[in-house]
C-alpha atoms as a PDB file:
ATOM      1  CA  MET A   1     163.654 149.193  30.926  1.00  0.00           C
ATOM      2  CA  ALA A   2     163.066 146.520  28.458  1.00  0.00           C
ATOM      3  CA  LYS A   3     164.785 145.932  24.946  1.00  0.00           C
ATOM      4  CA  GLU A   4     163.240 146.465  21.654  1.00  0.00           C
ATOM      5  CA  ALA A   5     160.663 144.059  20.527  1.00  0.00           C
ATOM      6  CA  ARG A   6     161.410 141.411  18.074  1.00  0.00           C
ATOM      7  CA  GLY A   7     158.228 141.624  16.442  1.00  0.00           C
ATOM      8  CA  ASP A   8     154.604 140.885  17.599  1.00  0.00           C
ATOM      9  CA  PHE A   9     155.273 137.393  18.653  1.00  0.00           C
ATOM     10  CA  TYR A  10     157.701 138.705  21.590  1.00  0.00           C
ATOM     11  CA  PRO A  11     155.939 141.856  22.890  1.00  0.00           C
ATOM     12  CA  VAL A  12     158.052 144.033  25.060  1.00  0.00           C
ATOM     13  CA  PRO A  13     157.063 143.919  28.812  1.00  0.00           C
ATOM     14  CA  ILE A  14     155.923 147.117  30.438  1.00  0.00           C
ATOM     15  CA  VAL A  15     158.176 146.612  33.449  1.00  0.00           C
ATOM     16  CA  ASP A  16     161.303 144.775  33.599  1.00  0.00           C
ATOM     17  CA  GLN A  17     163.584 145.467  36.537  1.00  0.00           C
ATOM     18  CA  ASN A  18     165.972 142.554  35.731  1.00  0.00           C
ATOM     19  CA  THR A  19     167.874 144.047  32.958  1.00  0.00           C
ATOM     20  CA  ARG A  20     171.582 144.377  33.474  1.00  0.00           C
ATOM     21  CA  PRO A  21     174.242 146.269  31.464  1.00  0.00           C
ATOM     22  CA  GLY A  22     175.798 144.019  28.830  1.00  0.00           C
ATOM     23  CA  ALA A  23     179.364 142.775  28.827  1.00  0.00           C
ATOM     24  CA  VAL A  24     180.260 145.320  26.233  1.00  0.00           C
ATOM     25  CA  THR A  25     179.074 148.130  28.384  1.00  0.00           C
ATOM     26  CA  ARG A  26     180.899 146.953  31.404  1.00  0.00           C
ATOM     27  CA  LEU A  27     183.999 146.557  29.254  1.00  0.00           C
ATOM     28  CA  ILE A  28     183.763 150.211  28.006  1.00  0.00           C
ATOM     29  CA  ILE A  29     183.405 151.356  31.625  1.00  0.00           C
ATOM     30  CA  PHE A  30     186.415 149.484  32.747  1.00  0.00           C
ATOM     31  CA  ILE A  31     188.463 150.787  29.633  1.00  0.00           C
ATOM     32  CA  VAL A  32     187.391 154.376  30.521  1.00  0.00           C
ATOM     33  CA  VAL A  33     188.350 153.996  34.063  1.00  0.00           C
ATOM     34  CA  LEU A  34     191.851 152.495  33.397  1.00  0.00           C
ATOM     35  CA  THR A  35     192.526 155.119  30.945  1.00  0.00           C
ATOM     36  CA  GLY A  36     191.526 157.936  33.351  1.00  0.00           C
ATOM     37  CA  ALA A  37     193.739 156.360  35.925  1.00  0.00           C
ATOM     38  CA  ALA A  38     196.709 156.134  33.532  1.00  0.00           C
ATOM     39  CA  ILE A  39     196.178 159.836  32.721  1.00  0.00           C
ATOM     40  CA  VAL A  40     196.117 160.854  36.370  1.00  0.00           C
ATOM     41  CA  PHE A  41     199.227 158.881  37.156  1.00  0.00           C
ATOM     42  CA  GLY A  42     201.073 160.351  34.108  1.00  0.00           C
ATOM     43  CA  LEU A  43     200.161 163.899  35.006  1.00  0.00           C
ATOM     44  CA  PHE A  44     201.024 163.869  38.673  1.00  0.00           C
ATOM     45  CA  ARG A  45     203.978 161.382  38.330  1.00  0.00           C
ATOM     46  CA  GLU A  46     206.708 163.771  39.816  1.00  0.00           C
ATOM     47  CA  ARG A  47     204.232 164.749  42.605  1.00  0.00           C
ATOM     48  CA  LEU A  48     203.267 161.292  43.752  1.00  0.00           C
ATOM     49  CA  GLY A  49     206.802 159.969  43.482  1.00  0.00           C
ATOM     50  CA  ASP A  50     208.094 156.602  42.530  1.00  0.00           C
ATOM     51  CA  PRO A  51     207.436 154.788  45.850  1.00  0.00           C
ATOM     52  CA  PHE A  52     203.631 155.710  45.752  1.00  0.00           C
ATOM     53  CA  LEU A  53     203.373 154.670  42.098  1.00  0.00           C
ATOM     54  CA  LEU A  54     205.180 151.233  42.979  1.00  0.00           C
ATOM     55  CA  GLY A  55     202.806 150.673  45.843  1.00  0.00           C
ATOM     56  CA  MET A  56     199.932 151.497  43.772  1.00  0.00           C
ATOM     57  CA  LEU A  57     201.230 149.067  41.112  1.00  0.00           C
ATOM     58  CA  GLY A  58     201.460 146.417  43.755  1.00  0.00           C
ATOM     59  CA  VAL A  59     198.020 147.032  45.018  1.00  0.00           C
ATOM     60  CA  LEU A  60     196.429 146.881  41.510  1.00  0.00           C
ATOM     61  CA  ALA A  61     198.414 143.617  40.875  1.00  0.00           C
ATOM     62  CA  MET A  62     196.870 142.081  44.025  1.00  0.00           C
ATOM     63  CA  ILE A  63     193.358 143.162  42.897  1.00  0.00           C
ATOM     64  CA  GLY A  64     194.181 141.483  39.482  1.00  0.00           C
ATOM     65  CA  VAL A  65     195.206 138.265  40.964  1.00  0.00           C
ATOM     66  CA  GLY A  66     192.299 138.220  43.342  1.00  0.00           C
ATOM     67  CA  PHE A  67     189.871 138.898  40.279  1.00  0.00           C
ATOM     68  CA  LEU A  68     191.329 135.927  38.499  1.00  0.00           C
ATOM     69  CA  PHE A  69     190.874 133.526  41.529  1.00  0.00           C
ATOM     70  CA  ALA A  70     187.122 134.826  42.054  1.00  0.00           C
ATOM     71  CA  THR A  71     186.591 134.326  38.394  1.00  0.00           C
ATOM     72  CA  ALA A  72     188.060 130.792  38.342  1.00  0.00           C
ATOM     73  CA  ILE A  73     185.896 129.717  41.161  1.00  0.00           C
ATOM     74  CA  GLY A  74     182.699 131.306  39.749  1.00  0.00           C
ATOM     75  CA  PHE A  75     182.332 134.132  42.313  1.00  0.00           C
ATOM     76  CA  VAL A  76     182.501 136.700  39.606  1.00  0.00           C
ATOM     77  CA  GLN A  77     180.430 136.099  36.486  1.00  0.00           C
ATOM     78  CA  VAL A  78     181.799 137.637  33.107  1.00  0.00           C
ATOM     79  CA  THR A  79     179.188 136.326  30.803  1.00  0.00           C
ATOM     80  CA  PRO A  80     175.685 134.878  31.198  1.00  0.00           C
ATOM     81  CA  ARG A  81     175.862 131.100  32.113  1.00  0.00           C
ATOM     82  CA  SER A  82     173.065 129.733  30.315  1.00  0.00           C
ATOM     83  CA  THR A  83     170.380 130.718  27.945  1.00  0.00           C
ATOM     84  CA  GLY A  84     167.639 129.145  29.925  1.00  0.00           C
ATOM     85  CA  ASP A  85     166.610 132.516  31.287  1.00  0.00           C
ATOM     86  CA  GLU A  86     166.225 133.790  27.778  1.00  0.00           C
ATOM     87  CA  LEU A  87     163.962 131.151  26.912  1.00  0.00           C
ATOM     88  CA  SER A  88     161.750 131.593  30.039  1.00  0.00           C
ATOM     89  CA  LYS A  89     161.736 135.361  29.558  1.00  0.00           C
ATOM     90  CA  SER A  90     160.535 135.088  25.836  1.00  0.00           C
ATOM     91  CA  PHE A  91     157.761 132.497  27.089  1.00  0.00           C
ATOM     92  CA  VAL A  92     156.632 134.934  29.813  1.00  0.00           C
ATOM     93  CA  ASP A  93     156.868 137.912  27.527  1.00  0.00           C
ATOM     94  CA  SER A  94     154.527 136.309  24.647  1.00  0.00           C
ATOM     95  CA  MET A  95     152.052 134.956  27.211  1.00  0.00           C
ATOM     96  CA  SER A  96     148.338 136.110  26.289  1.00  0.00           C
ATOM     97  CA  GLN A  97     147.471 135.990  30.232  1.00  0.00           C
ATOM     98  CA  GLY A  98     148.553 138.933  32.200  1.00  0.00           C
ATOM     99  CA  LEU A  99     151.535 138.434  34.570  1.00  0.00           C
ATOM    100  CA  LEU A 100     152.656 140.763  37.264  1.00  0.00           C
ATOM    101  CA  VAL A 101     155.460 139.946  39.633  1.00  0.00           C
ATOM    102  CA  THR A 102     156.157 141.955  42.779  1.00  0.00           C
ATOM    103  CA  ASP A 103     158.750 142.003  45.531  1.00  0.00           C
ATOM    104  CA  THR A 104     158.012 141.253  49.223  1.00  0.00           C
ATOM    105  CA  LYS A 105     157.399 145.148  49.794  1.00  0.00           C
ATOM    106  CA  GLY A 106     154.631 145.215  47.060  1.00  0.00           C
ATOM    107  CA  ARG A 107     156.686 146.923  44.332  1.00  0.00           C
ATOM    108  CA  VAL A 108     156.360 145.924  40.753  1.00  0.00           C
ATOM    109  CA  VAL A 109     159.318 143.823  39.400  1.00  0.00           C
ATOM    110  CA  TYR A 110     157.918 142.807  36.219  1.00  0.00           C
ATOM    111  CA  ALA A 111     154.550 143.020  34.147  1.00  0.00           C
ATOM    112  CA  ASN A 112     154.197 141.626  30.764  1.00  0.00           C
ATOM    113  CA  ARG A 113     152.278 143.529  27.940  1.00  0.00           C
ATOM    114  CA  ALA A 114     149.162 141.327  28.407  1.00  0.00           C
ATOM    115  CA  TYR A 115     148.830 142.577  31.980  1.00  0.00           C
ATOM    116  CA  ALA A 116     149.096 146.166  31.004  1.00  0.00           C
ATOM    117  CA  ASP A 117     146.618 145.797  28.254  1.00  0.00           C
ATOM    118  CA  MET A 118     144.094 143.969  30.580  1.00  0.00           C
ATOM    119  CA  THR A 119     144.311 146.724  33.071  1.00  0.00           C
ATOM    120  CA  GLY A 120     144.599 149.755  30.706  1.00  0.00           C
ATOM    121  CA  ALA A 121     148.177 150.803  31.810  1.00  0.00           C
ATOM    122  CA  SER A 122     149.865 152.676  29.143  1.00  0.00           C
ATOM    123  CA  SER A 123     153.163 153.076  31.105  1.00  0.00           C
ATOM    124  CA  ALA A 124     155.056 151.881  34.157  1.00  0.00           C
ATOM    125  CA  ALA A 125     153.637 154.651  36.135  1.00  0.00           C
ATOM    126  CA  ASP A 126     150.237 153.565  35.455  1.00  0.00           C
ATOM    127  CA  LEU A 127     150.564 150.117  36.737  1.00  0.00           C
ATOM    128  CA  LYS A 128     148.821 148.858  39.908  1.00  0.00           C
ATOM    129  CA  THR A 129     149.126 145.693  41.653  1.00  0.00           C
ATOM    130  CA  VAL A 130     146.152 143.392  41.789  1.00  0.00           C
ATOM    131  CA  GLU A 131     145.470 144.328  45.326  1.00  0.00           C
ATOM    132  CA  GLY A 132     145.521 147.983  44.429  1.00  0.00           C
ATOM    133  CA  LEU A 133     143.185 147.548  41.475  1.00  0.00           C
ATOM    134  CA  LEU A 134     140.541 145.244  43.207  1.00  0.00           C
ATOM    135  CA  SER A 135     140.729 145.636  47.121  1.00  0.00           C
ATOM    136  CA  ASP A 136     137.918 148.183  47.066  1.00  0.00           C
ATOM    137  CA  VAL A 137     135.711 146.293  44.593  1.00  0.00           C
ATOM    138  CA  PRO A 138     133.168 144.340  46.605  1.00  0.00           C
ATOM    139  CA  GLU A 139     132.793 141.483  44.311  1.00  0.00           C
ATOM    140  CA  ALA A 140     136.553 140.782  44.290  1.00  0.00           C
ATOM    141  CA  SER A 141     137.793 141.921  47.597  1.00  0.00           C
ATOM    142  CA  VAL A 142     137.096 138.492  49.389  1.00  0.00           C
ATOM    143  CA  THR A 143     138.972 136.386  46.835  1.00  0.00           C
ATOM    144  CA  ILE A 144     141.874 138.906  46.554  1.00  0.00           C
ATOM    145  CA  TYR A 145     142.224 138.944  50.298  1.00  0.00           C
ATOM    146  CA  ARG A 146     142.274 135.090  50.394  1.00  0.00           C
ATOM    147  CA  LEU A 147     144.717 134.933  47.608  1.00  0.00           C
ATOM    148  CA  ALA A 148     147.058 137.577  49.130  1.00  0.00           C
ATOM    149  CA  SER A 149     146.910 136.105  52.500  1.00  0.00           C
ATOM    150  CA  GLY A 150     147.608 132.623  51.423  1.00  0.00           C
ATOM    151  CA  LEU A 151     150.566 133.885  49.154  1.00  0.00           C
ATOM    152  CA  ARG A 152     152.014 135.732  52.102  1.00  0.00           C
ATOM    153  CA  ASP A 153     151.933 132.429  54.043  1.00  0.00           C
ATOM    154  CA  GLY A 154     153.680 130.504  51.138  1.00  0.00           C
ATOM    155  CA  GLN A 155     150.555 128.715  50.085  1.00  0.00           C
ATOM    156  CA  PRO A 156     149.315 128.338  46.405  1.00  0.00           C
ATOM    157  CA  GLY A 157     146.035 129.565  45.431  1.00  0.00           C
ATOM    158  CA  ASP A 158     143.554 130.333  42.775  1.00  0.00           C
ATOM    159  CA  GLY A 159     140.251 131.964  42.510  1.00  0.00           C
ATOM    160  CA  GLU A 160     137.859 133.642  40.309  1.00  0.00           C
ATOM    161  CA  PHE A 161     135.313 136.353  40.523  1.00  0.00           C
ATOM    162  CA  ARG A 162     132.919 138.275  38.264  1.00  0.00           C
ATOM    163  CA  LEU A 163     132.723 141.897  37.939  1.00  0.00           C
ATOM    164  CA  ALA A 164     130.013 144.134  36.438  1.00  0.00           C
ATOM    165  CA  GLN A 165     132.385 145.905  34.291  1.00  0.00           C
ATOM    166  CA  SER A 166     135.830 145.541  33.058  1.00  0.00           C
ATOM    167  CA  ILE A 167     138.821 146.598  35.123  1.00  0.00           C
ATOM    168  CA  ARG A 168     140.100 148.266  32.094  1.00  0.00           C
ATOM    169  CA  PRO A 169     139.010 152.056  31.785  1.00  0.00           C
ATOM    170  CA  GLY A 170     137.080 152.750  28.599  1.00  0.00           C
ATOM    171  CA  ALA A 171     136.368 149.012  27.809  1.00  0.00           C
ATOM    172  CA  GLU A 172     133.032 147.793  26.318  1.00  0.00           C
ATOM    173  CA  PRO A 173     130.505 147.503  28.937  1.00  0.00           C
ATOM    174  CA  GLY A 174     129.398 144.169  30.235  1.00  0.00           C
ATOM    175  CA  ALA A 175     130.217 141.698  33.021  1.00  0.00           C
ATOM    176  CA  ARG A 176     133.666 140.052  32.924  1.00  0.00           C
ATOM    177  CA  TRP A 177     134.889 136.919  34.685  1.00  0.00           C
ATOM    178  CA  TYR A 178     138.619 137.367  36.278  1.00  0.00           C
END
């Protein structure tokens, strides 16, 4: 999930599937695996024999050289290349408009806090896509269908509709424009 908030200016998104383990975490995992392999080789040295250990050392050397070449040509990335992603992520996290990103199968990949507040979702399990929220509402179904069809075809689109009540459960009564 998302990292801790840096204050009210950068609210934490309710869903963020893009987070990866940091470089320190990967380094610790690498150290633990190497230490475990060294202990196993040390304990079973007599049973495995010197030819096996020499062959294993050769295989590990080839893997290491391959890793160095892959890192040199940029195939393997040890650290993030730029901070532009952090800037755009901070911008999207702090937007006052709700933002929901889904993959091609309709699964939620990212949702900012404003979207959760607008729809009344308190956790990632409560989130619904725009189609899931509004496809059965007669006032919005035509606009939502037109936008969804256009997006599936790769066309940009926009639209607005008026609902007699808010899509957020428990909100003040009254008509809203979306």
